[in-house]
């Protein structure tokens, strides 16, 4: 698996479980038997119209990256918001120079040398990719 793939999975997690819709609730009578389904009538009364699903403020596929990372053990001891090394450490991905160089190549930079400027670019590029893959990332981490 790619370095970015490992980071993405560690940060965004398994969103398939989160995105799985709950089965529709079925109105049941006092004996646990379903009351008439949609379009049927019972005892001369029309079937009830199902209530619309409540609106959601954000897409189910969107993950609040800052909240998720802040909740990780050790987050308060690392500068993960600006440091690619600390971000990788926080999510359990090897932050060695070789892995950062490979990550930079995956994200389109072939001249990565490990300088402070390179690491700042790498952190922002990683966060932009996380945002493109369903993460809600503050603009301060992508600009």
C-alpha atoms as a PDB file:
ATOM      1  CA  UNK A   1       0.000   0.000   0.000  1.00  0.00           C
ATOM      2  CA  UNK A   2       1.188   3.515  -0.740  1.00  0.00           C
ATOM      3  CA  UNK A   3       2.317   5.857   2.029  1.00  0.00           C
ATOM      4  CA  UNK A   4      -0.565   8.200   1.230  1.00  0.00           C
ATOM      5  CA  UNK A   5      -2.959   5.242   1.290  1.00  0.00           C
ATOM      6  CA  UNK A   6      -1.766   4.358   4.785  1.00  0.00           C
ATOM      7  CA  UNK A   7      -2.185   7.968   5.947  1.00  0.00           C
ATOM      8  CA  UNK A   8      -5.621   8.256   4.339  1.00  0.00           C
ATOM      9  CA  UNK A   9      -6.847   5.023   5.918  1.00  0.00           C
ATOM     10  CA  UNK A  10      -5.447   5.989   9.320  1.00  0.00           C
ATOM     11  CA  UNK A  11      -7.020   9.450   9.225  1.00  0.00           C
ATOM     12  CA  UNK A  12     -10.321   8.821   7.479  1.00  0.00           C
ATOM     13  CA  UNK A  13     -10.887   5.301   8.769  1.00  0.00           C
ATOM     14  CA  UNK A  14     -13.424   2.888   7.374  1.00  0.00           C
ATOM     15  CA  UNK A  15     -16.160   5.173   6.133  1.00  0.00           C
ATOM     16  CA  UNK A  16     -18.057   2.283   4.563  1.00  0.00           C
ATOM     17  CA  UNK A  17     -19.497   1.426   7.971  1.00  0.00           C
ATOM     18  CA  UNK A  18     -20.406   5.056   8.652  1.00  0.00           C
ATOM     19  CA  UNK A  19     -22.016   5.456   5.232  1.00  0.00           C
ATOM     20  CA  UNK A  20     -24.182   2.359   5.505  1.00  0.00           C
ATOM     21  CA  UNK A  21     -27.778   3.588   5.911  1.00  0.00           C
ATOM     22  CA  UNK A  22     -29.844   2.260   8.771  1.00  0.00           C
ATOM     23  CA  UNK A  23     -32.726   0.008   7.743  1.00  0.00           C
ATOM     24  CA  UNK A  24     -36.037   1.841   7.594  1.00  0.00           C
ATOM     25  CA  UNK A  25     -38.075   1.658  10.769  1.00  0.00           C
ATOM     26  CA  UNK A  26     -41.320  -0.201  10.419  1.00  0.00           C
ATOM     27  CA  UNK A  27     -44.362   0.886  12.364  1.00  0.00           C
ATOM     28  CA  UNK A  28     -45.453  -2.054  14.498  1.00  0.00           C
ATOM     29  CA  UNK A  29     -48.603  -2.652  16.453  1.00  0.00           C
ATOM     30  CA  UNK A  30     -48.746  -3.709  20.070  1.00  0.00           C
ATOM     31  CA  UNK A  31     -48.117  -7.355  19.153  1.00  0.00           C
ATOM     32  CA  UNK A  32     -44.962  -6.651  17.139  1.00  0.00           C
ATOM     33  CA  UNK A  33     -46.664  -7.237  13.782  1.00  0.00           C
ATOM     34  CA  UNK A  34     -46.137  -4.626  11.089  1.00  0.00           C
ATOM     35  CA  UNK A  35     -49.063  -2.316  10.552  1.00  0.00           C
ATOM     36  CA  UNK A  36     -50.125  -1.878   6.923  1.00  0.00           C
ATOM     37  CA  UNK A  37     -47.283  -1.097   4.515  1.00  0.00           C
ATOM     38  CA  UNK A  38     -47.062   1.898   2.231  1.00  0.00           C
ATOM     39  CA  UNK A  39     -50.101   2.192   0.010  1.00  0.00           C
ATOM     40  CA  UNK A  40     -52.284  -0.186   2.042  1.00  0.00           C
ATOM     41  CA  UNK A  41     -55.220   0.597   4.227  1.00  0.00           C
ATOM     42  CA  UNK A  42     -56.218  -0.950   7.516  1.00  0.00           C
ATOM     43  CA  UNK A  43     -59.811  -0.953   8.802  1.00  0.00           C
ATOM     44  CA  UNK A  44     -60.862   1.580   6.179  1.00  0.00           C
ATOM     45  CA  UNK A  45     -58.114   4.060   7.053  1.00  0.00           C
ATOM     46  CA  UNK A  46     -55.464   5.129   4.570  1.00  0.00           C
ATOM     47  CA  UNK A  47     -51.923   3.970   5.268  1.00  0.00           C
ATOM     48  CA  UNK A  48     -49.760   6.546   7.017  1.00  0.00           C
ATOM     49  CA  UNK A  49     -47.300   8.441   4.875  1.00  0.00           C
ATOM     50  CA  UNK A  50     -43.711   7.819   5.968  1.00  0.00           C
ATOM     51  CA  UNK A  51     -41.994  10.861   7.452  1.00  0.00           C
ATOM     52  CA  UNK A  52     -39.114  12.265   5.429  1.00  0.00           C
ATOM     53  CA  UNK A  53     -35.609  11.508   6.636  1.00  0.00           C
ATOM     54  CA  UNK A  54     -34.065  14.312   8.699  1.00  0.00           C
ATOM     55  CA  UNK A  55     -31.659  16.568   6.834  1.00  0.00           C
ATOM     56  CA  UNK A  56     -27.992  16.288   7.728  1.00  0.00           C
ATOM     57  CA  UNK A  57     -25.673  19.254   8.105  1.00  0.00           C
ATOM     58  CA  UNK A  58     -22.741  17.481   6.426  1.00  0.00           C
ATOM     59  CA  UNK A  59     -22.346  14.589   4.071  1.00  0.00           C
ATOM     60  CA  UNK A  60     -22.047  11.190   5.725  1.00  0.00           C
ATOM     61  CA  UNK A  61     -18.908  10.653   3.643  1.00  0.00           C
ATOM     62  CA  UNK A  62     -17.235  13.741   5.080  1.00  0.00           C
ATOM     63  CA  UNK A  63     -14.895  13.217   8.043  1.00  0.00           C
ATOM     64  CA  UNK A  64     -13.904  16.025  10.422  1.00  0.00           C
ATOM     65  CA  UNK A  65     -10.147  15.465  10.227  1.00  0.00           C
ATOM     66  CA  UNK A  66      -9.205  17.937  12.950  1.00  0.00           C
ATOM     67  CA  UNK A  67     -11.677  16.449  15.434  1.00  0.00           C
ATOM     68  CA  UNK A  68     -10.673  12.890  14.611  1.00  0.00           C
ATOM     69  CA  UNK A  69      -6.948  13.589  14.987  1.00  0.00           C
ATOM     70  CA  UNK A  70      -7.410  15.661  18.145  1.00  0.00           C
ATOM     71  CA  UNK A  71      -9.158  12.662  19.713  1.00  0.00           C
ATOM     72  CA  UNK A  72      -6.143  10.397  19.196  1.00  0.00           C
ATOM     73  CA  UNK A  73      -3.953   9.601  22.189  1.00  0.00           C
ATOM     74  CA  UNK A  74      -0.850  11.765  22.142  1.00  0.00           C
ATOM     75  CA  UNK A  75      -2.320  14.442  19.858  1.00  0.00           C
ATOM     76  CA  UNK A  76      -1.755  17.141  22.460  1.00  0.00           C
ATOM     77  CA  UNK A  77       1.984  16.350  22.546  1.00  0.00           C
ATOM     78  CA  UNK A  78       2.515  16.578  18.782  1.00  0.00           C
ATOM     79  CA  UNK A  79       2.425  19.486  16.346  1.00  0.00           C
ATOM     80  CA  UNK A  80       0.482  17.458  13.762  1.00  0.00           C
ATOM     81  CA  UNK A  81      -1.376  20.505  12.369  1.00  0.00           C
ATOM     82  CA  UNK A  82       1.787  21.806  10.665  1.00  0.00           C
ATOM     83  CA  UNK A  83       4.375  19.015  10.887  1.00  0.00           C
ATOM     84  CA  UNK A  84       4.253  16.090   8.468  1.00  0.00           C
ATOM     85  CA  UNK A  85       6.569  14.136  10.774  1.00  0.00           C
ATOM     86  CA  UNK A  86       4.240  14.613  13.761  1.00  0.00           C
ATOM     87  CA  UNK A  87       1.163  13.851  11.635  1.00  0.00           C
ATOM     88  CA  UNK A  88       2.701  10.578  10.506  1.00  0.00           C
ATOM     89  CA  UNK A  89       3.732   9.701  14.071  1.00  0.00           C
ATOM     90  CA  UNK A  90       0.233  10.457  15.369  1.00  0.00           C
ATOM     91  CA  UNK A  91      -1.421   8.026  12.974  1.00  0.00           C
ATOM     92  CA  UNK A  92       1.242   5.327  13.307  1.00  0.00           C
ATOM     93  CA  UNK A  93       2.923   5.675   9.912  1.00  0.00           C
ATOM     94  CA  UNK A  94       6.735   5.557   9.764  1.00  0.00           C
ATOM     95  CA  UNK A  95       7.926   9.163   9.405  1.00  0.00           C
ATOM     96  CA  UNK A  96      11.414   8.333   8.142  1.00  0.00           C
ATOM     97  CA  UNK A  97      13.026  10.419   5.416  1.00  0.00           C
ATOM     98  CA  UNK A  98      12.568   7.587   2.912  1.00  0.00           C
ATOM     99  CA  UNK A  99       8.823   7.373   3.600  1.00  0.00           C
ATOM    100  CA  UNK A 100       8.429  11.158   3.393  1.00  0.00           C
ATOM    101  CA  UNK A 101      10.342  11.151   0.107  1.00  0.00           C
ATOM    102  CA  UNK A 102       8.092   8.395  -1.240  1.00  0.00           C
ATOM    103  CA  UNK A 103       4.999  10.312  -0.078  1.00  0.00           C
ATOM    104  CA  UNK A 104       6.259  13.456  -1.825  1.00  0.00           C
ATOM    105  CA  UNK A 105       6.718  11.474  -5.040  1.00  0.00           C
ATOM    106  CA  UNK A 106       3.190  10.058  -4.721  1.00  0.00           C
ATOM    107  CA  UNK A 107       1.896  13.624  -4.366  1.00  0.00           C
ATOM    108  CA  UNK A 108       3.818  14.887  -7.390  1.00  0.00           C
ATOM    109  CA  UNK A 109       7.112  16.225  -6.097  1.00  0.00           C
ATOM    110  CA  UNK A 110      10.227  14.476  -7.331  1.00  0.00           C
ATOM    111  CA  UNK A 111      12.807  16.869  -5.834  1.00  0.00           C
ATOM    112  CA  UNK A 112      12.013  16.280  -2.137  1.00  0.00           C
ATOM    113  CA  UNK A 113      15.151  16.790  -0.026  1.00  0.00           C
ATOM    114  CA  UNK A 114      13.674  16.833   3.473  1.00  0.00           C
ATOM    115  CA  UNK A 115      14.153  20.556   4.114  1.00  0.00           C
ATOM    116  CA  UNK A 116      11.769  22.530   6.317  1.00  0.00           C
ATOM    117  CA  UNK A 117      10.187  24.029   3.177  1.00  0.00           C
ATOM    118  CA  UNK A 118       9.794  20.561   1.666  1.00  0.00           C
ATOM    119  CA  UNK A 119       8.105  19.289   4.835  1.00  0.00           C
ATOM    120  CA  UNK A 120       5.720  22.262   4.950  1.00  0.00           C
ATOM    121  CA  UNK A 121       4.786  21.614   1.319  1.00  0.00           C
ATOM    122  CA  UNK A 122       4.374  17.905   2.028  1.00  0.00           C
ATOM    123  CA  UNK A 123       2.064  18.502   4.992  1.00  0.00           C
ATOM    124  CA  UNK A 124      -0.157  20.885   3.000  1.00  0.00           C
ATOM    125  CA  UNK A 125      -0.198  18.596  -0.038  1.00  0.00           C
ATOM    126  CA  UNK A 126      -1.147  15.648   2.177  1.00  0.00           C
ATOM    127  CA  UNK A 127      -3.971  17.621   3.767  1.00  0.00           C
ATOM    128  CA  UNK A 128      -5.234  18.745   0.343  1.00  0.00           C
ATOM    129  CA  UNK A 129      -5.341  15.097  -0.752  1.00  0.00           C
ATOM    130  CA  UNK A 130      -7.120  14.099   2.468  1.00  0.00           C
ATOM    131  CA  UNK A 131      -9.705  16.811   1.721  1.00  0.00           C
ATOM    132  CA  UNK A 132     -10.132  15.502  -1.838  1.00  0.00           C
ATOM    133  CA  UNK A 133     -10.791  12.045  -0.406  1.00  0.00           C
ATOM    134  CA  UNK A 134     -13.624  13.027   1.912  1.00  0.00           C
ATOM    135  CA  UNK A 135     -11.955  14.807   4.823  1.00  0.00           C
ATOM    136  CA  UNK A 136     -13.034  18.190   6.136  1.00  0.00           C
ATOM    137  CA  UNK A 137      -9.718  19.973   6.621  1.00  0.00           C
ATOM    138  CA  UNK A 138      -9.367  23.559   7.874  1.00  0.00           C
ATOM    139  CA  UNK A 139      -8.122  25.943   5.173  1.00  0.00           C
ATOM    140  CA  UNK A 140      -5.152  26.830   7.365  1.00  0.00           C
ATOM    141  CA  UNK A 141      -3.824  23.305   6.808  1.00  0.00           C
ATOM    142  CA  UNK A 142      -4.159  23.370   3.017  1.00  0.00           C
ATOM    143  CA  UNK A 143      -3.137  26.925   2.014  1.00  0.00           C
END
